[in-house]
C-alpha atoms as a PDB file:
ATOM      1  CA  MET A   1     -82.660  90.735  71.060  1.00  0.00           C
ATOM      2  CA  SER A   2     -80.065  88.261  72.343  1.00  0.00           C
ATOM      3  CA  ARG A   3     -77.120  90.661  72.201  1.00  0.00           C
ATOM      4  CA  GLU A   4     -79.171  93.288  74.005  1.00  0.00           C
ATOM      5  CA  ASN A   5     -80.098  90.749  76.688  1.00  0.00           C
ATOM      6  CA  VAL A   6     -76.433  89.911  77.251  1.00  0.00           C
ATOM      7  CA  GLU A   7     -75.663  93.634  77.543  1.00  0.00           C
ATOM      8  CA  THR A   8     -78.514  94.039  80.055  1.00  0.00           C
ATOM      9  CA  VAL A   9     -77.002  91.321  82.234  1.00  0.00           C
ATOM     10  CA  ARG A  10     -73.550  92.915  81.971  1.00  0.00           C
ATOM     11  CA  ALA A  11     -75.043  96.286  82.955  1.00  0.00           C
ATOM     12  CA  MET A  12     -76.784  94.694  85.938  1.00  0.00           C
ATOM     13  CA  HIS A  13     -73.481  93.162  87.094  1.00  0.00           C
ATOM     14  CA  ALA A  14     -71.804  96.561  86.780  1.00  0.00           C
ATOM     15  CA  LEU A  15     -74.594  98.229  88.766  1.00  0.00           C
ATOM     16  CA  TRP A  16     -74.266  95.677  91.534  1.00  0.00           C
ATOM     17  CA  ASN A  17     -70.497  96.003  91.650  1.00  0.00           C
ATOM     18  CA  ASN A  18     -70.454  99.805  91.756  1.00  0.00           C
ATOM     19  CA  GLY A  19     -71.261  99.517  95.453  1.00  0.00           C
ATOM     20  CA  GLU A  20     -74.302 101.760  95.399  1.00  0.00           C
ATOM     21  CA  ARG A  21     -76.887  99.124  94.486  1.00  0.00           C
ATOM     22  CA  ASP A  22     -79.271 101.912  93.514  1.00  0.00           C
ATOM     23  CA  VAL A  23     -82.781 100.474  93.258  1.00  0.00           C
ATOM     24  CA  GLN A  24     -83.889 103.475  91.204  1.00  0.00           C
ATOM     25  CA  ASP A  25     -82.248 101.815  88.186  1.00  0.00           C
ATOM     26  CA  LEU A  26     -84.185  98.564  88.605  1.00  0.00           C
ATOM     27  CA  PRO A  27     -87.097  99.484  86.274  1.00  0.00           C
ATOM     28  CA  ARG A  28     -84.614 100.115  83.481  1.00  0.00           C
ATOM     29  CA  TYR A  29     -83.460  96.492  83.520  1.00  0.00           C
ATOM     30  CA  VAL A  30     -86.019  94.516  85.506  1.00  0.00           C
ATOM     31  CA  HIS A  31     -89.749  93.982  84.942  1.00  0.00           C
ATOM     32  CA  ALA A  32     -92.062  95.007  87.815  1.00  0.00           C
ATOM     33  CA  ASP A  33     -93.204  91.390  88.220  1.00  0.00           C
ATOM     34  CA  VAL A  34     -89.658  90.006  88.403  1.00  0.00           C
ATOM     35  CA  GLU A  35     -89.035  86.843  90.358  1.00  0.00           C
ATOM     36  CA  LEU A  36     -85.678  85.985  91.933  1.00  0.00           C
ATOM     37  CA  ASP A  37     -84.798  82.491  93.113  1.00  0.00           C
ATOM     38  CA  SER A  38     -81.626  82.588  95.156  1.00  0.00           C
ATOM     39  CA  PRO A  39     -80.034  80.478  97.874  1.00  0.00           C
ATOM     40  CA  PHE A  40     -81.634  82.925 100.324  1.00  0.00           C
ATOM     41  CA  SER A  41     -85.063  82.010  98.896  1.00  0.00           C
ATOM     42  CA  SER A  42     -84.869  78.714 100.729  1.00  0.00           C
ATOM     43  CA  VAL A  43     -84.667  80.633 104.006  1.00  0.00           C
ATOM     44  CA  VAL A  44     -87.894  82.547 103.339  1.00  0.00           C
ATOM     45  CA  GLY A  45     -89.494  79.610 101.538  1.00  0.00           C
ATOM     46  CA  GLU A  46     -90.331  81.364  98.283  1.00  0.00           C
ATOM     47  CA  PRO A  47     -88.731  83.507  95.585  1.00  0.00           C
ATOM     48  CA  TYR A  48     -88.279  87.225  96.025  1.00  0.00           C
ATOM     49  CA  ARG A  49     -90.930  89.019  93.925  1.00  0.00           C
ATOM     50  CA  GLY A  50     -91.170  92.464  92.388  1.00  0.00           C
ATOM     51  CA  TYR A  51     -88.996  95.481  93.017  1.00  0.00           C
ATOM     52  CA  SER A  52     -89.642  95.216  96.761  1.00  0.00           C
ATOM     53  CA  GLY A  53     -88.471  91.597  96.643  1.00  0.00           C
ATOM     54  CA  ILE A  54     -85.235  92.579  94.907  1.00  0.00           C
ATOM     55  CA  GLU A  55     -84.711  95.308  97.503  1.00  0.00           C
ATOM     56  CA  GLN A  56     -85.281  92.739 100.276  1.00  0.00           C
ATOM     57  CA  TRP A  57     -82.791  90.364  98.641  1.00  0.00           C
ATOM     58  CA  MET A  58     -80.200  93.161  98.563  1.00  0.00           C
ATOM     59  CA  ARG A  59     -80.846  93.903 102.251  1.00  0.00           C
ATOM     60  CA  ASP A  60     -80.483  90.187 103.039  1.00  0.00           C
ATOM     61  CA  ILE A  61     -77.164  90.067 101.195  1.00  0.00           C
ATOM     62  CA  ASP A  62     -75.917  93.259 102.857  1.00  0.00           C
ATOM     63  CA  GLU A  63     -76.975  91.939 106.281  1.00  0.00           C
ATOM     64  CA  GLN A  64     -74.788  88.856 105.865  1.00  0.00           C
ATOM     65  CA  PHE A  65     -71.857  90.275 103.914  1.00  0.00           C
ATOM     66  CA  ALA A  66     -69.753  93.400 104.444  1.00  0.00           C
ATOM     67  CA  GLU A  67     -68.458  93.073 100.881  1.00  0.00           C
ATOM     68  CA  TRP A  68     -69.920  91.251  97.907  1.00  0.00           C
ATOM     69  CA  SER A  69     -69.036  91.451  94.240  1.00  0.00           C
ATOM     70  CA  ILE A  70     -69.848  89.475  91.132  1.00  0.00           C
ATOM     71  CA  VAL A  71     -67.018  88.970  88.657  1.00  0.00           C
ATOM     72  CA  PRO A  72     -68.557  87.627  85.453  1.00  0.00           C
ATOM     73  CA  ASP A  73     -66.387  84.983  83.819  1.00  0.00           C
ATOM     74  CA  GLU A  74     -68.832  84.354  80.988  1.00  0.00           C
ATOM     75  CA  VAL A  75     -72.169  85.847  79.955  1.00  0.00           C
ATOM     76  CA  ARG A  76     -73.873  84.231  77.015  1.00  0.00           C
ATOM     77  CA  ASN A  77     -77.157  83.931  75.274  1.00  0.00           C
ATOM     78  CA  ILE A  78     -78.817  80.497  75.214  1.00  0.00           C
ATOM     79  CA  GLY A  79     -81.980  80.653  73.130  1.00  0.00           C
ATOM     80  CA  ASP A  80     -84.133  83.363  74.680  1.00  0.00           C
ATOM     81  CA  ARG A  81     -82.288  83.216  78.011  1.00  0.00           C
ATOM     82  CA  VAL A  82     -78.955  84.439  79.278  1.00  0.00           C
ATOM     83  CA  VAL A  83     -76.659  82.505  81.582  1.00  0.00           C
ATOM     84  CA  SER A  84     -74.006  84.254  83.609  1.00  0.00           C
ATOM     85  CA  ILE A  85     -71.157  82.228  85.065  1.00  0.00           C
ATOM     86  CA  ALA A  86     -69.296  84.233  87.648  1.00  0.00           C
ATOM     87  CA  THR A  87     -67.004  84.258  90.621  1.00  0.00           C
ATOM     88  CA  VAL A  88     -68.508  85.801  93.723  1.00  0.00           C
ATOM     89  CA  ALA A  89     -66.103  87.470  96.115  1.00  0.00           C
ATOM     90  CA  ALA A  90     -67.532  88.036  99.581  1.00  0.00           C
ATOM     91  CA  ARG A  91     -66.512  88.951 103.093  1.00  0.00           C
ATOM     92  CA  ALA A  92     -68.832  87.890 105.913  1.00  0.00           C
ATOM     93  CA  ARG A  93     -70.045  90.684 108.141  1.00  0.00           C
ATOM     94  CA  ALA A  94     -69.950  88.789 111.470  1.00  0.00           C
ATOM     95  CA  SER A  95     -66.747  86.766 111.093  1.00  0.00           C
ATOM     96  CA  ASP A  96     -64.823  88.900 108.577  1.00  0.00           C
ATOM     97  CA  PHE A  97     -64.178  85.641 106.672  1.00  0.00           C
ATOM     98  CA  ALA A  98     -63.349  86.324 103.015  1.00  0.00           C
ATOM     99  CA  THR A  99     -64.161  83.807 100.323  1.00  0.00           C
ATOM    100  CA  GLU A 100     -64.611  83.364  96.597  1.00  0.00           C
ATOM    101  CA  PHE A 101     -66.922  80.841  95.012  1.00  0.00           C
ATOM    102  CA  PRO A 102     -68.428  80.076  91.609  1.00  0.00           C
ATOM    103  CA  ALA A 103     -72.062  80.915  90.944  1.00  0.00           C
ATOM    104  CA  SER A 104     -74.352  81.184  87.965  1.00  0.00           C
ATOM    105  CA  CYS A 105     -77.556  82.965  87.196  1.00  0.00           C
ATOM    106  CA  VAL A 106     -80.105  82.195  84.500  1.00  0.00           C
ATOM    107  CA  PHE A 107     -82.070  85.219  83.281  1.00  0.00           C
ATOM    108  CA  ASP A 108     -85.431  85.178  81.482  1.00  0.00           C
ATOM    109  CA  PHE A 109     -86.679  88.227  79.586  1.00  0.00           C
ATOM    110  CA  ALA A 110     -89.940  89.942  78.682  1.00  0.00           C
ATOM    111  CA  PRO A 111     -90.504  91.006  75.064  1.00  0.00           C
ATOM    112  CA  ASP A 112     -89.493  94.557  76.073  1.00  0.00           C
ATOM    113  CA  GLY A 113     -86.009  93.287  77.022  1.00  0.00           C
ATOM    114  CA  ARG A 114     -86.369  93.568  80.785  1.00  0.00           C
ATOM    115  CA  VAL A 115     -85.620  90.664  83.104  1.00  0.00           C
ATOM    116  CA  THR A 116     -88.655  88.734  84.344  1.00  0.00           C
ATOM    117  CA  ARG A 117     -86.912  85.955  86.235  1.00  0.00           C
ATOM    118  CA  MET A 118     -83.487  85.332  87.727  1.00  0.00           C
ATOM    119  CA  HIS A 119     -82.430  82.014  89.181  1.00  0.00           C
ATOM    120  CA  ILE A 120     -79.130  81.962  91.047  1.00  0.00           C
ATOM    121  CA  TYR A 121     -77.289  78.646  91.260  1.00  0.00           C
ATOM    122  CA  LEU A 122     -74.306  77.938  93.481  1.00  0.00           C
ATOM    123  CA  ASP A 123     -73.598  74.907  91.290  1.00  0.00           C
ATOM    124  CA  VAL A 124     -72.611  76.057  87.793  1.00  0.00           C
ATOM    125  CA  HIS A 125     -73.480  72.632  86.349  1.00  0.00           C
ATOM    126  CA  GLU A 126     -77.070  72.985  87.613  1.00  0.00           C
ATOM    127  CA  ALA A 127     -77.382  76.321  85.809  1.00  0.00           C
ATOM    128  CA  LEU A 128     -76.020  74.842  82.602  1.00  0.00           C
ATOM    129  CA  LYS A 129     -78.428  71.936  82.950  1.00  0.00           C
ATOM    130  CA  ALA A 130     -81.311  74.413  83.404  1.00  0.00           C
ATOM    131  CA  VAL A 131     -80.542  75.956  80.005  1.00  0.00           C
ATOM    132  CA  GLY A 132     -80.026  72.583  78.322  1.00  0.00           C
ATOM    133  CA  LEU A 133     -76.235  72.613  78.033  1.00  0.00           C
ATOM    134  CA  GLU A 134     -75.546  69.678  80.360  1.00  0.00           C
ATOM    135  CA  GLU A 135     -77.377  66.544  81.392  1.00  0.00           C
END
């Protein structure tokens, strides 16, 4: 299943980057009970949950950023998880400030191959530590 999980993550990156961010494709890749921990979670105080949570996260991102893309540098399987190390390119909506920064996401999967949990890290080393690759 590991290769399939890596391909799922790559497909999710491609979906995000196509600009449409079509939530109709979510059930194909993401379990209905999905949980997303992101830097924005700290603002609302808890992870985004379910398809409606993912939709809210996308609205939160789109509210802050006029442009946002994820350029995966590395996507690899670690046990039964996948870690994606990427460069995020973004342009702030209010200030028009453009920036690039590293980020990582750790993905957990259900037996059916759909994502059950995503945890976004702005510190790549924290993501690697979460999957046991760094101390």
